[in-house]
N, C-alpha and C. Protein backbone atom coordinates (compact mmCIF):
# COMPACT_ATOMS: atom_id res chain seq x y z
N UNK A 1 186.19 -89.06 -47.98
CA UNK A 1 185.71 -88.62 -49.10
C UNK A 1 184.70 -89.13 -49.87
N UNK A 2 183.52 -87.65 -50.73
CA UNK A 2 182.14 -87.76 -50.56
C UNK A 2 182.27 -88.12 -52.10
N UNK A 3 181.80 -89.47 -52.23
CA UNK A 3 182.00 -89.38 -53.90
C UNK A 3 180.34 -89.68 -54.74
N UNK A 4 179.57 -88.77 -54.02
CA UNK A 4 177.94 -88.27 -54.76
C UNK A 4 177.57 -86.72 -54.03
N UNK A 5 176.97 -86.44 -55.38
CA UNK A 5 176.14 -85.47 -54.72
C UNK A 5 175.75 -85.84 -53.45
N UNK A 6 174.60 -87.30 -53.29
CA UNK A 6 173.90 -87.34 -52.37
C UNK A 6 174.48 -87.30 -51.05
N UNK A 7 175.31 -87.52 -50.85
CA UNK A 7 176.87 -88.18 -49.47
C UNK A 7 177.18 -86.55 -49.19
N UNK A 8 177.37 -85.42 -50.60
CA UNK A 8 177.57 -84.67 -50.02
C UNK A 8 176.49 -83.83 -49.27
N UNK A 9 175.18 -83.67 -50.03
CA UNK A 9 174.20 -82.87 -50.00
C UNK A 9 174.12 -83.64 -48.36
N UNK A 10 173.70 -85.02 -47.41
CA UNK A 10 173.53 -84.88 -46.39
C UNK A 10 175.00 -84.90 -45.70
N UNK A 11 175.93 -84.55 -45.63
CA UNK A 11 176.82 -84.44 -44.78
C UNK A 11 175.94 -82.66 -44.49
N UNK A 12 176.08 -81.99 -45.47
CA UNK A 12 175.51 -80.21 -45.19
C UNK A 12 174.35 -80.04 -45.62
N UNK A 13 173.49 -80.72 -45.46
CA UNK A 13 171.55 -81.13 -44.53
C UNK A 13 172.34 -81.17 -43.53
N UNK A 14 172.79 -82.18 -42.01
CA UNK A 14 173.68 -82.47 -41.36
C UNK A 14 174.06 -80.92 -40.63
N UNK A 15 175.26 -80.45 -41.35
CA UNK A 15 175.60 -78.97 -40.96
C UNK A 15 174.54 -77.85 -40.95
N UNK A 16 173.70 -78.27 -41.82
CA UNK A 16 172.92 -76.28 -41.10
C UNK A 16 172.25 -77.04 -39.93
N UNK A 17 171.82 -78.46 -39.25
CA UNK A 17 171.37 -78.66 -38.58
C UNK A 17 171.74 -78.08 -37.45
N UNK A 18 172.71 -79.14 -37.66
CA UNK A 18 173.73 -78.88 -35.85
C UNK A 18 174.00 -77.85 -35.75
N UNK A 19 174.63 -76.53 -36.83
CA UNK A 19 174.49 -75.04 -37.16
C UNK A 19 172.98 -74.14 -36.50
N UNK A 20 171.84 -75.30 -36.53
CA UNK A 20 170.83 -74.77 -35.91
C UNK A 20 170.64 -74.37 -34.80
N UNK A 21 171.08 -76.34 -34.31
CA UNK A 21 171.23 -76.52 -33.19
C UNK A 21 171.52 -75.49 -32.21
N UNK A 22 172.50 -74.58 -32.81
CA UNK A 22 173.60 -73.52 -32.03
C UNK A 22 173.38 -71.75 -31.58
N UNK A 23 172.03 -72.51 -32.18
CA UNK A 23 171.86 -70.76 -32.21
C UNK A 23 171.20 -69.89 -30.33
N UNK A 24 171.04 -69.69 -29.91
CA UNK A 24 170.19 -69.40 -28.49
C UNK A 24 169.09 -68.46 -28.62
N UNK A 25 168.33 -69.49 -28.69
CA UNK A 25 166.81 -69.62 -28.48
C UNK A 25 166.56 -67.59 -27.78
N UNK A 26 166.80 -67.83 -25.65
CA UNK A 26 166.79 -66.88 -25.60
C UNK A 26 167.26 -64.82 -26.22
N UNK A 27 168.70 -65.42 -27.10
CA UNK A 27 168.79 -63.75 -28.13
C UNK A 27 168.28 -63.76 -28.98
N UNK A 28 167.28 -65.33 -29.77
CA UNK A 28 166.52 -65.33 -30.46
C UNK A 28 164.85 -64.33 -30.20
N UNK A 29 164.69 -64.68 -29.31
CA UNK A 29 163.35 -64.16 -28.58
C UNK A 29 163.97 -62.51 -28.35
N UNK A 30 165.08 -62.21 -27.79
CA UNK A 30 165.12 -61.13 -27.17
C UNK A 30 165.52 -60.28 -28.42
N UNK A 31 165.40 -60.47 -29.99
CA UNK A 31 166.12 -59.51 -30.41
C UNK A 31 164.38 -60.06 -31.24
N UNK A 32 163.61 -60.48 -31.74
CA UNK A 32 162.36 -61.09 -31.80
C UNK A 32 161.61 -59.54 -31.07
N UNK A 33 161.16 -59.46 -29.53
CA UNK A 33 161.06 -57.96 -28.60
C UNK A 33 161.33 -57.26 -29.57
N UNK A 34 162.63 -56.69 -29.38
CA UNK A 34 163.06 -55.07 -30.15
C UNK A 34 162.55 -55.25 -31.80
N UNK A 35 162.73 -55.66 -32.22
CA UNK A 35 162.11 -55.44 -33.49
C UNK A 35 160.43 -55.45 -33.92
N UNK A 36 160.27 -55.77 -32.75
CA UNK A 36 158.85 -56.01 -32.95
C UNK A 36 158.11 -54.92 -31.85
N UNK A 37 158.82 -54.58 -31.03
CA UNK A 37 158.81 -52.97 -29.87
C UNK A 37 159.47 -52.11 -31.45
N UNK A 38 160.15 -52.62 -31.79
CA UNK A 38 160.71 -51.07 -32.74
C UNK A 38 159.57 -50.67 -34.24
N UNK A 39 159.29 -51.53 -34.44
CA UNK A 39 157.16 -51.46 -35.41
C UNK A 39 156.69 -50.98 -34.80
N UNK A 40 156.61 -51.88 -33.59
CA UNK A 40 155.04 -50.45 -32.71
C UNK A 40 154.89 -49.78 -32.97
N UNK A 41 156.60 -49.13 -32.61
CA UNK A 41 156.54 -47.06 -32.06
C UNK A 41 156.69 -46.99 -33.00
N UNK A 42 156.91 -47.61 -34.48
CA UNK A 42 157.24 -46.65 -35.77
C UNK A 42 157.77 -46.41 -36.20
N UNK A 43 158.91 -46.88 -35.36
CA UNK A 43 160.12 -46.98 -35.77
C UNK A 43 160.71 -47.27 -36.80
N UNK A 44 162.55 -47.19 -37.38
CA UNK A 44 163.06 -47.72 -38.36
C UNK A 44 163.99 -48.85 -38.05
N UNK A 45 163.51 -50.00 -39.25
CA UNK A 45 164.46 -50.82 -38.60
C UNK A 45 165.78 -51.22 -40.17
N UNK A 46 167.25 -50.64 -39.65
CA UNK A 46 167.44 -50.55 -40.66
C UNK A 46 168.52 -52.38 -40.42
N UNK A 47 168.83 -52.44 -42.06
CA UNK A 47 169.26 -54.06 -42.44
C UNK A 47 170.48 -53.33 -43.15
N UNK A 48 171.90 -54.58 -43.17
CA UNK A 48 172.85 -54.15 -43.83
C UNK A 48 174.04 -55.07 -43.42
N UNK A 49 174.13 -55.41 -45.47
CA UNK A 49 175.65 -56.64 -44.79
C UNK A 49 176.46 -56.51 -46.78
N UNK A 50 177.08 -57.94 -46.78
CA UNK A 50 177.87 -58.05 -48.07
C UNK A 50 177.22 -59.05 -48.78
N UNK A 51 177.95 -59.07 -49.71
CA UNK A 51 177.53 -60.26 -50.82
C UNK A 51 176.44 -61.05 -50.24
N UNK A 52 176.73 -62.35 -50.32
CA UNK A 52 175.27 -62.87 -49.84
C UNK A 52 174.27 -62.51 -48.31
N UNK A 53 175.25 -61.87 -47.26
CA UNK A 53 174.68 -61.45 -46.63
C UNK A 53 173.39 -59.88 -46.68
N UNK A 54 174.18 -59.53 -48.05
CA UNK A 54 173.58 -58.44 -48.17
C UNK A 54 172.84 -59.15 -49.43
N UNK A 55 172.06 -59.55 -49.92
CA UNK A 55 170.80 -60.43 -50.86
C UNK A 55 169.72 -60.77 -49.28
N UNK A 56 170.64 -61.07 -48.32
CA UNK A 56 169.51 -61.57 -47.38
C UNK A 56 169.17 -60.09 -46.14
N UNK A 57 169.83 -59.49 -46.26
CA UNK A 57 169.09 -58.12 -46.03
C UNK A 57 167.83 -57.83 -46.92
N UNK A 58 168.70 -57.53 -48.34
CA UNK A 58 167.03 -57.18 -48.76
C UNK A 58 166.58 -58.39 -48.56
N UNK A 59 166.31 -59.61 -48.71
CA UNK A 59 165.53 -59.62 -48.65
C UNK A 59 164.55 -59.90 -47.12
N UNK A 60 165.13 -59.79 -46.52
CA UNK A 60 164.52 -59.40 -45.12
C UNK A 60 163.49 -58.16 -44.99
N UNK A 61 164.04 -57.23 -45.56
CA UNK A 61 163.23 -55.88 -45.65
C UNK A 61 162.10 -55.91 -46.53
N UNK A 62 162.06 -57.04 -46.96
CA UNK A 62 161.55 -57.54 -48.44
C UNK A 62 160.24 -58.49 -47.43
N UNK A 63 160.85 -58.99 -47.03
CA UNK A 63 159.41 -59.64 -45.52
C UNK A 63 158.38 -59.07 -44.66
N UNK A 64 159.64 -58.02 -44.11
CA UNK A 64 158.80 -57.20 -43.43
C UNK A 64 157.79 -56.08 -43.55
N UNK A 65 158.57 -55.46 -45.09
CA UNK A 65 157.52 -54.30 -45.45
C UNK A 65 156.42 -55.08 -46.09
N UNK A 66 156.87 -55.93 -47.08
CA UNK A 66 155.36 -56.40 -47.69
C UNK A 66 155.07 -57.46 -46.81
N UNK A 67 155.20 -58.64 -46.81
CA UNK A 67 154.78 -59.38 -45.95
C UNK A 67 154.23 -59.57 -44.85
N UNK A 68 154.65 -59.26 -43.61
CA UNK A 68 154.02 -58.80 -42.33
C UNK A 68 153.32 -57.50 -42.51
N UNK A 69 153.08 -56.78 -43.39
CA UNK A 69 151.98 -55.78 -43.15
C UNK A 69 150.82 -56.80 -43.64
N UNK A 70 150.70 -57.83 -44.00
CA UNK A 70 149.73 -58.31 -45.31
C UNK A 70 148.92 -58.45 -44.25
N UNK A 71 147.02 -58.80 -43.58
CA UNK A 71 146.08 -59.52 -42.72
C UNK A 71 146.78 -58.67 -41.71
N UNK A 72 147.57 -57.67 -40.84
CA UNK A 72 148.00 -57.65 -39.94
C UNK A 72 148.10 -56.01 -40.03
N UNK A 73 147.51 -55.34 -38.65
CA UNK A 73 147.48 -53.77 -38.24
C UNK A 73 148.81 -53.13 -38.75
N UNK A 74 150.22 -54.05 -38.53
CA UNK A 74 151.42 -53.75 -38.30
C UNK A 74 151.79 -53.04 -39.76
N UNK A 75 152.69 -51.53 -39.75
CA UNK A 75 153.10 -51.01 -40.75
C UNK A 75 154.80 -50.56 -40.18
N UNK A 76 155.69 -52.52 -41.09
CA UNK A 76 156.76 -52.18 -40.16
C UNK A 76 157.40 -51.60 -41.41
N UNK A 77 158.20 -50.15 -41.65
CA UNK A 77 159.30 -49.55 -41.76
C UNK A 77 160.86 -50.57 -41.97
N UNK A 78 161.29 -51.05 -43.53
CA UNK A 78 162.35 -51.38 -42.69
C UNK A 78 163.05 -50.96 -44.17
N UNK A 79 164.44 -50.57 -44.11
CA UNK A 79 165.10 -49.83 -45.13
C UNK A 79 166.31 -50.57 -45.51
N UNK A 80 167.11 -51.00 -46.18
CA UNK A 80 168.49 -51.83 -46.36
C UNK A 80 168.73 -51.04 -46.76
N UNK A 81 170.61 -50.67 -46.23
CA UNK A 81 171.19 -49.78 -46.36
C UNK A 81 171.58 -49.50 -47.50
N UNK A 82 172.14 -51.34 -48.33
CA UNK A 82 172.21 -51.78 -49.17
C UNK A 82 172.12 -51.76 -50.85
N UNK A 83 170.45 -51.12 -50.69
CA UNK A 83 169.78 -50.80 -52.05
C UNK A 83 169.94 -50.13 -53.10
N UNK A 84 170.56 -48.80 -52.24
CA UNK A 84 170.26 -47.44 -52.98
C UNK A 84 171.77 -47.51 -54.14
N UNK A 85 171.71 -47.79 -54.99
CA UNK A 85 173.27 -48.42 -56.02
C UNK A 85 174.09 -47.45 -55.73
N UNK A 86 173.24 -45.75 -56.22
CA UNK A 86 174.05 -44.73 -56.27
C UNK A 86 174.60 -44.08 -54.86
N UNK A 87 173.74 -44.10 -54.24
CA UNK A 87 174.38 -43.32 -52.60
C UNK A 87 175.24 -44.53 -52.47
N UNK A 88 175.69 -46.09 -52.40
CA UNK A 88 177.14 -46.86 -51.90
C UNK A 88 177.70 -46.52 -51.87
N UNK A 89 177.55 -46.69 -54.24
CA UNK A 89 178.93 -46.21 -54.77
C UNK A 89 179.40 -44.41 -54.47
N UNK A 90 178.56 -43.45 -54.04
CA UNK A 90 178.73 -42.32 -54.26
C UNK A 90 179.89 -42.58 -52.60
N UNK A 91 179.07 -43.36 -51.58
CA UNK A 91 180.10 -43.03 -50.30
C UNK A 91 181.17 -43.78 -50.33
N UNK A 92 180.70 -45.08 -51.46
CA UNK A 92 182.61 -45.46 -50.99
C UNK A 92 183.50 -44.85 -52.07
N UNK A 93 182.71 -44.34 -53.35
CA UNK A 93 183.59 -43.39 -53.72
C UNK A 93 184.44 -42.40 -53.02
N UNK A 94 183.81 -41.95 -52.36
CA UNK A 94 184.39 -40.47 -51.33
C UNK A 94 185.24 -40.46 -49.82
N UNK A 95 184.17 -41.90 -49.89
CA UNK A 95 184.53 -41.35 -48.34
C UNK A 95 185.68 -43.44 -47.98
N UNK A 96 185.24 -43.93 -49.50
CA UNK A 96 185.51 -45.18 -48.43
C UNK A 96 184.67 -46.61 -48.52
N UNK A 97 185.04 -47.40 -48.72
CA UNK A 97 183.65 -48.61 -48.45
C UNK A 97 183.64 -48.66 -47.81
N UNK A 98 184.05 -48.81 -46.90
CA UNK A 98 183.89 -48.78 -45.12
C UNK A 98 183.46 -48.34 -44.71
N UNK A 99 182.63 -47.20 -45.23
CA UNK A 99 181.57 -46.04 -44.19
C UNK A 99 180.86 -46.34 -44.96
N UNK A 100 180.31 -47.01 -46.05
CA UNK A 100 178.91 -47.01 -46.70
C UNK A 100 177.21 -46.80 -45.33
N UNK A 101 177.89 -47.83 -44.49
CA UNK A 101 176.36 -48.00 -43.86
C UNK A 101 176.75 -46.84 -42.76
N UNK A 102 177.50 -46.92 -42.18
CA UNK A 102 178.05 -46.01 -41.05
C UNK A 102 177.58 -44.49 -41.85
N UNK A 103 177.55 -44.16 -42.94
CA UNK A 103 177.12 -42.64 -43.52
C UNK A 103 175.53 -41.91 -43.95
N UNK A 104 175.30 -43.87 -44.29
CA UNK A 104 173.89 -43.31 -44.03
C UNK A 104 173.10 -43.35 -42.93
N UNK A 105 173.37 -44.12 -42.19
CA UNK A 105 172.96 -43.82 -40.35
C UNK A 105 173.24 -42.53 -39.83
N UNK A 106 174.17 -42.01 -40.25
CA UNK A 106 174.33 -41.04 -39.73
C UNK A 106 173.07 -39.72 -40.34
N UNK A 107 172.98 -40.05 -41.11
CA UNK A 107 171.92 -39.17 -41.66
C UNK A 107 170.58 -40.20 -41.32
N UNK A 108 170.29 -41.16 -41.89
CA UNK A 108 169.01 -41.84 -40.69
C UNK A 108 168.56 -42.13 -39.79
N UNK A 109 169.12 -42.36 -39.00
CA UNK A 109 168.69 -43.08 -37.81
C UNK A 109 168.40 -42.31 -36.47
N UNK A 110 167.65 -42.30 -35.54
CA UNK A 110 167.52 -41.80 -34.89
C UNK A 110 167.05 -42.98 -33.11
N UNK A 111 167.34 -42.55 -32.34
CA UNK A 111 167.17 -43.22 -31.03
C UNK A 111 166.24 -43.35 -30.58
N UNK A 112 165.86 -45.43 -31.00
CA UNK A 112 164.92 -45.53 -30.47
C UNK A 112 164.22 -46.31 -32.39
N UNK A 113 165.37 -46.32 -32.96
CA UNK A 113 165.68 -47.26 -33.97
C UNK A 113 165.93 -48.25 -33.83
N UNK A 114 166.18 -49.41 -35.08
CA UNK A 114 166.81 -50.73 -34.64
C UNK A 114 167.84 -51.23 -35.91
N UNK A 115 169.29 -51.23 -35.85
CA UNK A 115 169.96 -52.30 -36.90
C UNK A 115 170.15 -53.39 -36.74
N UNK A 116 170.23 -53.95 -37.57
CA UNK A 116 170.23 -55.30 -37.97
C UNK A 116 171.62 -55.54 -38.68
N UNK A 117 172.95 -56.12 -38.03
CA UNK A 117 173.71 -55.90 -38.90
C UNK A 117 174.06 -57.72 -39.44
N UNK A 118 173.97 -58.20 -40.15
CA UNK A 118 174.24 -59.81 -41.03
C UNK A 118 175.39 -59.62 -41.81
N UNK A 119 177.19 -60.67 -41.36
CA UNK A 119 178.30 -60.90 -41.14
C UNK A 119 178.42 -62.55 -41.12
N UNK A 120 178.73 -62.94 -41.96
CA UNK A 120 179.24 -64.22 -41.93
C UNK A 120 180.55 -64.29 -40.42
N UNK A 121 181.34 -63.18 -40.71
CA UNK A 121 183.02 -63.41 -39.99
C UNK A 121 182.63 -61.76 -38.66
N UNK A 122 181.79 -61.54 -39.03
CA UNK A 122 181.69 -60.13 -37.89
C UNK A 122 182.95 -59.33 -37.66
N UNK A 123 183.86 -59.52 -39.08
CA UNK A 123 184.51 -58.58 -38.62
C UNK A 123 184.84 -57.64 -40.59
N UNK A 124 183.58 -56.79 -40.72
CA UNK A 124 183.79 -56.56 -42.31
C UNK A 124 183.65 -55.02 -41.45
N UNK A 125 184.75 -53.97 -42.24
CA UNK A 125 184.81 -52.64 -41.42
C UNK A 125 183.19 -52.26 -41.29
N UNK A 126 182.97 -52.03 -43.07
CA UNK A 126 181.27 -51.45 -43.08
C UNK A 126 180.89 -51.91 -41.75
N UNK A 127 180.54 -53.06 -41.47
CA UNK A 127 179.39 -53.33 -40.18
C UNK A 127 179.74 -53.27 -39.27
N UNK A 128 181.08 -52.84 -38.76
CA UNK A 128 181.51 -52.38 -37.57
C UNK A 128 181.66 -51.16 -37.24
N UNK A 129 181.76 -50.38 -38.18
CA UNK A 129 181.40 -48.83 -38.41
C UNK A 129 180.25 -48.39 -38.48
N UNK A 130 179.23 -49.59 -38.97
CA UNK A 130 177.71 -49.54 -38.55
C UNK A 130 177.43 -49.22 -37.36
N UNK A 131 177.89 -50.39 -37.38
CA UNK A 131 177.32 -50.35 -35.44
C UNK A 131 177.26 -49.69 -34.59
N UNK A 132 178.95 -49.78 -34.76
CA UNK A 132 179.68 -48.42 -33.35
C UNK A 132 178.50 -46.89 -34.02
N UNK A 133 178.29 -46.91 -35.18
CA UNK A 133 177.79 -45.16 -35.20
C UNK A 133 175.97 -45.55 -35.02
N UNK A 134 175.55 -47.16 -34.56
CA UNK A 134 174.50 -47.22 -34.60
C UNK A 134 174.58 -47.12 -32.95
N UNK A 135 176.22 -47.78 -32.21
CA UNK A 135 175.53 -47.78 -30.96
C UNK A 135 175.74 -45.95 -30.08
N UNK A 136 176.03 -45.10 -31.29
CA UNK A 136 176.45 -43.95 -30.56
C UNK A 136 175.08 -42.95 -30.73
N UNK A 137 174.13 -43.42 -31.77
CA UNK A 137 173.41 -42.47 -32.02
C UNK A 137 171.86 -43.51 -31.79
N UNK A 138 172.49 -43.81 -30.53
CA UNK A 138 170.63 -45.35 -29.33
C UNK A 138 170.56 -46.17 -30.22
N UNK A 139 170.80 -46.62 -31.36
CA UNK A 139 170.28 -47.60 -32.16
C UNK A 139 170.26 -49.22 -31.32
N UNK A 140 169.04 -49.78 -30.98
CA UNK A 140 169.29 -51.37 -30.65
C UNK A 140 169.93 -52.00 -31.88
N UNK A 141 171.46 -52.29 -31.31
CA UNK A 141 171.70 -53.38 -32.84
C UNK A 141 171.41 -53.95 -32.27
N UNK A 142 171.38 -55.45 -33.35
CA UNK A 142 171.23 -56.73 -33.52
C UNK A 142 172.42 -56.94 -34.40
N UNK A 143 172.88 -57.60 -34.15
CA UNK A 143 174.19 -58.50 -35.17
C UNK A 143 173.73 -60.36 -35.21
N UNK A 144 173.92 -60.40 -36.88
CA UNK A 144 174.10 -62.12 -36.86
C UNK A 144 175.29 -62.70 -37.56
N UNK A 145 175.53 -63.03 -36.93
CA UNK A 145 177.01 -64.01 -37.05
C UNK A 145 177.53 -65.14 -37.15
N UNK A 146 178.42 -65.34 -37.76
CA UNK A 146 178.86 -67.33 -37.70
C UNK A 146 180.53 -67.56 -37.75
N UNK A 147 180.81 -68.26 -38.42
CA UNK A 147 182.21 -68.48 -37.65
C UNK A 147 182.74 -68.10 -36.82
N UNK A 148 183.86 -67.45 -35.72
CA UNK A 148 183.77 -66.91 -34.16
C UNK A 148 183.01 -66.04 -33.89
N UNK A 149 182.33 -64.83 -34.60
CA UNK A 149 181.42 -63.74 -34.02
C UNK A 149 182.40 -62.55 -34.51
N UNK A 150 183.64 -61.99 -34.90
CA UNK A 150 183.99 -61.56 -34.56
C UNK A 150 183.90 -60.10 -33.70
N UNK A 151 184.57 -58.98 -34.63
CA UNK A 151 184.49 -58.35 -33.53
C UNK A 151 182.59 -57.32 -33.48
N UNK A 152 181.71 -57.45 -34.29
CA UNK A 152 180.48 -57.68 -34.26
C UNK A 152 180.13 -57.85 -32.88
N UNK A 153 180.36 -59.21 -32.36
CA UNK A 153 179.55 -60.32 -31.59
C UNK A 153 179.58 -59.91 -30.47
N UNK A 154 180.79 -58.87 -30.26
CA UNK A 154 180.98 -57.95 -28.72
C UNK A 154 180.55 -56.73 -28.58
N UNK A 155 180.28 -56.24 -30.23
CA UNK A 155 179.89 -54.71 -29.96
C UNK A 155 178.37 -54.54 -30.06
N UNK A 156 177.16 -55.43 -31.04
CA UNK A 156 175.97 -55.43 -30.89
C UNK A 156 175.52 -55.70 -29.56
N UNK A 157 174.52 -55.12 -29.58
CA UNK A 157 173.51 -54.98 -28.06
C UNK A 157 172.51 -56.24 -28.14
N UNK A 158 172.46 -56.88 -29.23
CA UNK A 158 172.28 -58.20 -29.43
C UNK A 158 173.14 -59.44 -30.56
N UNK A 159 173.25 -59.90 -30.72
CA UNK A 159 174.10 -60.83 -31.50
C UNK A 159 173.47 -62.20 -31.19
N UNK A 160 172.45 -62.51 -32.59
CA UNK A 160 172.64 -64.10 -32.82
C UNK A 160 173.40 -64.69 -33.56
N UNK A 161 174.06 -66.06 -32.65
CA UNK A 161 175.34 -66.19 -33.80
C UNK A 161 174.28 -67.98 -34.08
N UNK A 162 175.46 -68.16 -34.59
CA UNK A 162 175.50 -69.33 -35.53
C UNK A 162 176.46 -70.06 -35.66
N UNK A 163 176.98 -71.44 -34.96
CA UNK A 163 178.09 -71.85 -34.89
C UNK A 163 178.45 -72.76 -36.36
N UNK A 164 179.32 -72.15 -37.30
CA UNK A 164 179.57 -73.14 -38.34
C UNK A 164 181.22 -71.79 -38.91
N UNK A 165 181.52 -72.80 -39.71
CA UNK A 165 183.36 -72.50 -40.04
C UNK A 165 182.74 -72.47 -41.77
N UNK A 166 181.59 -72.83 -42.76
CA UNK A 166 180.98 -72.94 -43.74
C UNK A 166 179.99 -72.07 -44.22
N UNK A 167 180.55 -70.68 -44.73
CA UNK A 167 180.13 -69.09 -45.13
C UNK A 167 178.11 -69.77 -46.06
N UNK A 168 178.24 -71.28 -46.77
CA UNK A 168 177.25 -71.49 -47.48
C UNK A 168 176.51 -71.88 -46.18
N UNK A 169 176.42 -72.85 -45.36
CA UNK A 169 175.57 -73.01 -43.92
C UNK A 169 175.27 -71.79 -42.88
N UNK A 170 176.32 -70.33 -42.52
CA UNK A 170 176.29 -69.44 -42.28
C UNK A 170 174.96 -69.08 -42.96
N UNK A 171 175.08 -68.76 -44.31
CA UNK A 171 174.06 -67.76 -44.58
C UNK A 171 173.31 -68.51 -44.90
N UNK A 172 172.45 -69.82 -44.72
CA UNK A 172 171.45 -70.53 -45.38
C UNK A 172 171.14 -70.54 -43.49
N UNK A 173 171.99 -70.81 -42.95
CA UNK A 173 171.51 -70.59 -41.19
C UNK A 173 169.86 -68.79 -40.80
N UNK A 174 171.21 -67.75 -41.98
CA UNK A 174 170.43 -66.53 -41.41
C UNK A 174 169.46 -66.33 -42.48
N UNK A 175 169.77 -66.83 -43.03
CA UNK A 175 167.52 -66.82 -43.45
C UNK A 175 167.25 -67.63 -43.24
N UNK A 176 167.11 -68.71 -42.63
CA UNK A 176 166.30 -70.06 -42.05
C UNK A 176 165.75 -68.48 -40.55
N UNK A 177 166.68 -67.95 -39.61
CA UNK A 177 166.39 -67.57 -39.14
C UNK A 177 165.37 -65.58 -39.23
N UNK A 178 165.91 -65.49 -40.29
CA UNK A 178 165.28 -64.16 -41.02
C UNK A 178 163.43 -64.15 -41.64
N UNK A 179 163.37 -65.83 -41.96
CA UNK A 179 162.40 -66.21 -42.39
C UNK A 179 161.56 -66.51 -41.10
N UNK A 180 161.84 -67.13 -40.51
CA UNK A 180 161.36 -67.35 -38.77
C UNK A 180 160.71 -66.41 -38.39
N UNK A 181 161.82 -65.12 -38.18
CA UNK A 181 161.17 -63.71 -37.21
C UNK A 181 160.29 -63.62 -38.47
N UNK A 182 159.95 -63.36 -39.34
CA UNK A 182 159.38 -62.62 -40.26
C UNK A 182 158.17 -63.05 -40.04
N UNK A 183 157.74 -64.42 -40.18
CA UNK A 183 156.69 -65.55 -40.56
C UNK A 183 155.81 -65.74 -39.02
N UNK A 184 157.00 -65.25 -38.57
CA UNK A 184 156.42 -65.31 -36.21
C UNK A 184 155.29 -63.97 -36.61
N UNK A 185 156.06 -63.40 -36.51
CA UNK A 185 154.98 -62.02 -35.88
C UNK A 185 153.96 -61.53 -36.93
N UNK A 186 154.25 -61.90 -38.81
CA UNK A 186 152.53 -62.12 -39.10
C UNK A 186 152.11 -63.08 -38.19
N UNK A 187 152.51 -63.90 -38.10
CA UNK A 187 151.41 -65.66 -37.68
C UNK A 187 150.88 -64.37 -36.41
N UNK A 188 151.43 -63.62 -35.29
CA UNK A 188 150.92 -63.62 -34.14
C UNK A 188 150.65 -62.29 -33.89
N UNK A 189 150.79 -61.34 -35.36
CA UNK A 189 149.40 -59.79 -35.40
C UNK A 189 148.78 -60.61 -37.00
N UNK A 190 148.52 -61.38 -37.54
CA UNK A 190 147.66 -62.24 -38.41
C UNK A 190 145.86 -61.43 -38.04
N UNK A 191 145.52 -60.58 -39.21
CA UNK A 191 144.11 -60.51 -38.16
C UNK A 191 143.33 -60.97 -38.82
N UNK A 192 143.56 -62.12 -39.42
CA UNK A 192 141.87 -62.97 -39.99
C UNK A 192 142.17 -64.33 -38.64
N UNK A 193 143.80 -64.20 -37.44
CA UNK A 193 143.27 -65.12 -36.85
C UNK A 193 142.76 -64.32 -35.73
N UNK A 194 142.71 -63.21 -35.53
CA UNK A 194 142.03 -62.34 -34.34
C UNK A 194 140.82 -61.81 -33.89
N UNK A 195 139.81 -62.33 -36.07
CA UNK A 195 138.53 -61.81 -36.24
C UNK A 195 137.59 -62.28 -34.90
N UNK A 196 137.82 -63.62 -33.85
CA UNK A 196 136.78 -63.20 -33.34
C UNK A 196 136.93 -62.94 -31.81
N UNK A 197 138.42 -62.53 -31.90
CA UNK A 197 138.99 -61.45 -29.95
C UNK A 197 138.46 -59.67 -30.82
N UNK A 198 137.16 -59.35 -29.04
CA UNK A 198 137.39 -58.96 -29.05
C UNK A 198 137.96 -57.48 -28.35
N UNK A 199 138.34 -56.61 -29.02
CA UNK A 199 139.25 -55.83 -28.86
C UNK A 199 138.41 -54.55 -27.93
């Protein structure tokens, strides 16, 4: 039994550390390469999630759209599929919430684009439908999952999996991974770091 916030914090911190250690670094590297290639080819990266994962999708979009382009030669085109409340509720009302992301992809996505789905369980119907739509359109599909990975783990082309059964820990790790990707991309393409390089 935990008798203080300190002991709870220590256990939680250890849980985050253990979960991060479970991430396959080769898969993370592959995801990084796909995202960078998409940006360099001026294609679009779509991101989506539900609940806390929706907030991570928004944050990831912000960090790339504004953060990555600062002091770099890159101009990332990122779209969060859970940003437009009017469109989201229109699709949910007319077609069902399970189609809110896939319906948008069918209008906006094209071959060569990238879809990043964030889902702790990996089983949300709208996430599965989005991945199915993305695969059908020829998008590079990437899922970030936790728990046992769900169906998303098997149908996405790349799966960055966090091995934890705690929602908070999974979401914390997903956010850390998102920041890691955005900051690393910005770092290696930072114009200031390349000022002495003859192009």
